[in-house]
Protein backbone atom coordinates (compact mmCIF):
# COMPACT_ATOMS: atom_id res chain seq x y z
CA MET A 1 6.74 -9.54 34.10
CA ASN A 2 6.52 -5.87 33.19
CA GLU A 3 3.65 -4.56 31.12
CA ALA A 4 4.48 -2.71 27.89
CA VAL A 5 2.35 0.30 26.95
CA ILE A 6 2.45 2.86 24.16
CA VAL A 7 2.64 6.31 25.74
CA SER A 8 3.12 8.51 22.69
CA THR A 9 2.95 8.49 18.91
CA ALA A 10 4.12 10.68 16.06
CA ARG A 11 4.36 10.38 12.31
CA THR A 12 5.30 12.45 9.32
CA GLY A 13 2.90 13.46 6.64
CA ILE A 14 2.50 11.36 3.54
CA GLY A 15 4.01 12.78 0.38
CA ARG A 16 3.61 11.90 -3.26
CA ALA A 17 6.41 9.75 -4.60
CA TYR A 18 8.79 11.76 -6.79
CA LYS A 19 6.51 14.82 -6.68
CA GLY A 20 5.78 15.70 -3.05
CA SER A 21 7.31 18.13 -0.62
CA LEU A 22 9.15 15.36 1.26
CA ASN A 23 11.11 14.07 -1.76
CA HIS A 24 14.46 15.52 -0.83
CA ILE A 25 14.43 14.83 2.91
CA LYS A 26 16.92 12.14 3.91
CA SER A 27 15.67 9.15 5.89
CA PRO A 28 17.47 9.84 9.20
CA SER A 29 16.11 13.40 9.25
CA LEU A 30 12.59 12.32 8.32
CA LEU A 31 12.47 9.61 10.96
CA GLY A 32 14.39 11.71 13.50
CA HIS A 33 11.71 14.38 13.26
CA ALA A 34 8.97 11.88 14.21
CA ILE A 35 11.09 10.37 17.00
CA ALA A 36 11.83 13.80 18.50
CA HIS A 37 8.13 14.65 18.60
CA ALA A 38 7.09 11.27 20.05
CA VAL A 39 9.71 11.54 22.80
CA ARG A 40 8.71 15.13 23.57
CA ARG A 41 5.01 14.19 23.75
CA ALA A 42 5.83 11.29 26.09
CA GLY A 43 7.64 13.63 28.47
CA VAL A 44 10.62 11.29 28.58
CA ALA A 45 14.17 12.55 28.92
CA GLY A 46 16.47 11.34 26.15
CA ASP A 47 18.87 9.69 28.59
CA GLU A 48 16.01 7.52 29.92
CA ILE A 49 15.63 5.73 26.57
CA ASP A 50 17.23 2.30 26.47
CA ASP A 51 16.89 1.50 22.78
CA ALA A 52 15.20 2.41 19.50
CA VAL A 53 13.81 -0.35 17.28
CA ILE A 54 12.82 0.71 13.76
CA GLY A 55 11.40 -1.42 10.97
CA THR A 56 12.08 -0.44 7.39
CA VAL A 57 11.97 -1.75 3.85
CA LEU A 58 14.63 -1.01 1.25
CA ALA A 59 17.30 -0.39 3.87
CA ALA A 60 19.64 1.23 1.38
CA GLY A 61 20.64 4.69 0.29
CA THR A 62 19.61 7.26 2.88
CA ALA A 63 17.95 4.49 4.91
CA GLY A 64 21.09 2.34 4.83
CA MET A 65 23.47 1.33 7.55
CA ASN A 66 21.72 1.39 10.95
CA LEU A 67 18.83 3.76 10.25
CA ALA A 68 17.49 3.49 13.81
CA ARG A 69 20.77 4.68 15.28
CA ASN A 70 21.17 7.49 12.75
CA ALA A 71 17.58 8.65 13.34
CA VAL A 72 18.11 8.66 17.12
CA LEU A 73 21.06 10.98 16.61
CA ALA A 74 19.13 13.10 14.08
CA ALA A 75 16.36 13.44 16.70
CA GLY A 76 18.87 15.04 19.04
CA LEU A 77 18.86 12.17 21.51
CA PRO A 78 22.08 11.40 23.39
CA ALA A 79 24.70 9.02 22.02
CA SER A 80 23.85 6.66 24.90
CA VAL A 81 20.63 5.65 23.10
CA SER A 82 21.27 2.59 20.97
CA GLY A 83 19.31 1.67 17.86
CA GLN A 84 18.52 -1.43 15.83
CA THR A 85 16.94 -1.62 12.41
CA LEU A 86 14.71 -4.50 11.35
CA ASP A 87 14.27 -5.35 7.68
CA ARG A 88 11.15 -7.46 7.28
CA GLN A 89 9.83 -6.10 3.95
CA CYS A 90 6.20 -6.32 5.10
CA ALA A 91 4.92 -5.23 8.53
CA SER A 92 8.41 -4.28 9.70
CA GLY A 93 7.04 -1.40 11.80
CA LEU A 94 4.68 -3.76 13.62
CA MET A 95 7.54 -6.17 14.21
CA ALA A 96 9.63 -3.33 15.62
CA ILE A 97 6.85 -2.42 18.07
CA ALA A 98 6.46 -6.07 19.10
CA THR A 99 10.22 -6.35 19.59
CA ALA A 100 10.27 -3.18 21.71
CA ALA A 101 7.40 -4.53 23.84
CA LYS A 102 9.38 -7.73 24.37
CA GLN A 103 12.39 -5.68 25.47
CA VAL A 104 10.25 -4.02 28.15
CA MET A 105 8.38 -7.16 29.20
CA VAL A 106 11.25 -9.66 29.17
CA ASP A 107 14.60 -7.89 28.86
CA GLY A 108 14.19 -5.35 31.66
CA MET A 109 14.29 -2.19 29.56
CA ASP A 110 12.18 0.73 30.78
CA VAL A 111 11.79 2.97 27.71
CA VAL A 112 12.09 1.90 24.08
CA VAL A 113 11.28 3.95 20.99
CA ALA A 114 9.74 1.85 18.21
CA GLY A 115 8.10 2.29 14.85
CA GLY A 116 8.34 2.01 11.12
CA HIS A 117 9.96 3.99 8.35
CA GLU A 118 9.39 4.33 4.65
CA ASN A 119 11.06 6.68 2.20
CA ILE A 120 10.74 4.88 -1.13
CA THR A 121 11.31 7.97 -3.26
CA ALA A 122 14.81 8.37 -1.86
CA VAL A 123 16.02 4.97 -3.01
CA GLN A 124 13.54 3.01 -5.12
CA GLU A 125 14.92 3.55 -8.61
CA ALA A 126 18.58 2.92 -7.75
CA TYR A 127 17.71 0.00 -5.45
CA MET A 128 15.54 -1.76 -8.01
CA LYS A 129 18.24 -1.35 -10.66
CA TRP A 130 20.84 -2.77 -8.25
CA VAL A 131 18.59 -5.71 -7.24
CA GLY A 132 18.02 -6.49 -10.91
CA GLU A 133 21.77 -6.68 -11.48
CA THR A 134 22.45 -8.84 -8.42
CA ARG A 135 19.80 -11.56 -8.65
CA ASP A 136 21.05 -15.01 -7.71
CA PRO A 137 20.29 -17.51 -10.52
CA ALA A 138 20.57 -20.47 -8.10
CA LEU A 139 17.94 -18.90 -5.85
CA ILE A 140 15.64 -18.21 -8.81
CA ALA A 141 15.98 -21.86 -9.87
CA GLN A 142 14.72 -22.93 -6.44
CA ALA A 143 12.14 -20.16 -5.95
CA PRO A 144 11.26 -18.21 -9.13
CA GLN A 145 9.16 -15.72 -7.11
CA ALA A 146 11.97 -14.85 -4.65
CA TYR A 147 12.49 -11.35 -6.06
CA MET A 148 8.80 -10.53 -6.53
CA PRO A 149 8.10 -6.99 -5.22
CA MET A 150 5.53 -6.56 -2.45
CA LEU A 151 3.02 -4.89 -4.79
CA GLN A 152 3.03 -7.94 -7.08
CA THR A 153 2.82 -10.21 -4.03
CA ALA A 154 -0.23 -8.28 -2.80
CA GLU A 155 -1.89 -8.58 -6.22
CA PHE A 156 -1.17 -12.31 -6.29
CA VAL A 157 -2.66 -12.83 -2.82
CA ALA A 158 -5.71 -10.70 -3.65
CA ASN A 159 -6.40 -12.68 -6.83
CA LYS A 160 -5.84 -16.02 -5.13
CA TYR A 161 -8.02 -15.36 -2.08
């Protein structure tokens, strides 16, 4: 079995929601910037990359469709690099890294880009309005907390434990 190692990292700065300098940058460009720098730092040629696995939350708006694939292209990597986007709501970036490690260890891939993405400012208001309009009453009858946002979930867990 192959061993999976992290050979490079990169991230964007953190901006203030609705007020920071990153507010108007679209998700593929924001993530593509970090991917391009991580790949450059690793000294890996773009055509050596087998896949990109990206975790995200609120995969809508500028982060919609297949964000991983769009970010790979925005990073200037060749069209031969595939991408998959994981939507886990909490710890999606960690799940993406674990999935990429599995691809190296088990699936025979040599180089996989992995990480997480967040760009709440770009989509939060419209997404939350849309979710509010599309709630499933049958689901709520079975699980009243099903649409609880992560911040409320965190508060609940903190108070409980």
